[in-house]
Amino acid sequence: MTYLILGYDFECREFQYQGRTVKGLAFEVKTNEKISERNKRNIAVELSKKGGFWIRLHQTAKGIKVEPYKSYALVPCKDDPCGLELEQIEISHKVLMKHTDCFDDSFNSGASSEYYVEE
């Protein structure tokens, strides 16, 4: 079955994870393959100090299935001498919640990336 993955980026204060400096966070949700642009806009992700990542649906969202997919720490690429290009490394909810002092409660209603997966 094919699913659409939507990615949401979040700012954070720097912290160390797996010997690397984290410069941001990202969260992905898995949705129906054929989701309308309108329904994409009805999905938002919240980053909360109390509960980590939360998926929020607008009350007008209809006929879509949305579930958590993956969480990432955004770190500078090892082969970028300037440290401007970022890559993703997976981060667990448990580890994320150990660093709540490094992010503020925030809300993101616009996916910054999307791709398809077969499962």
Foldseek 3Di string as FASTA:
>chain_A
DKWKKFKDKAAWAWDDDPNFIFGTKMWIKTKHPDDDPVQLLQWKWKAALVQGIDIGGHPPRPDMDIDTDFMWGWTFDPPPPVSPDTDTDTDDSVRVNVVSVTHHIDMGRHGPDMDMDDD
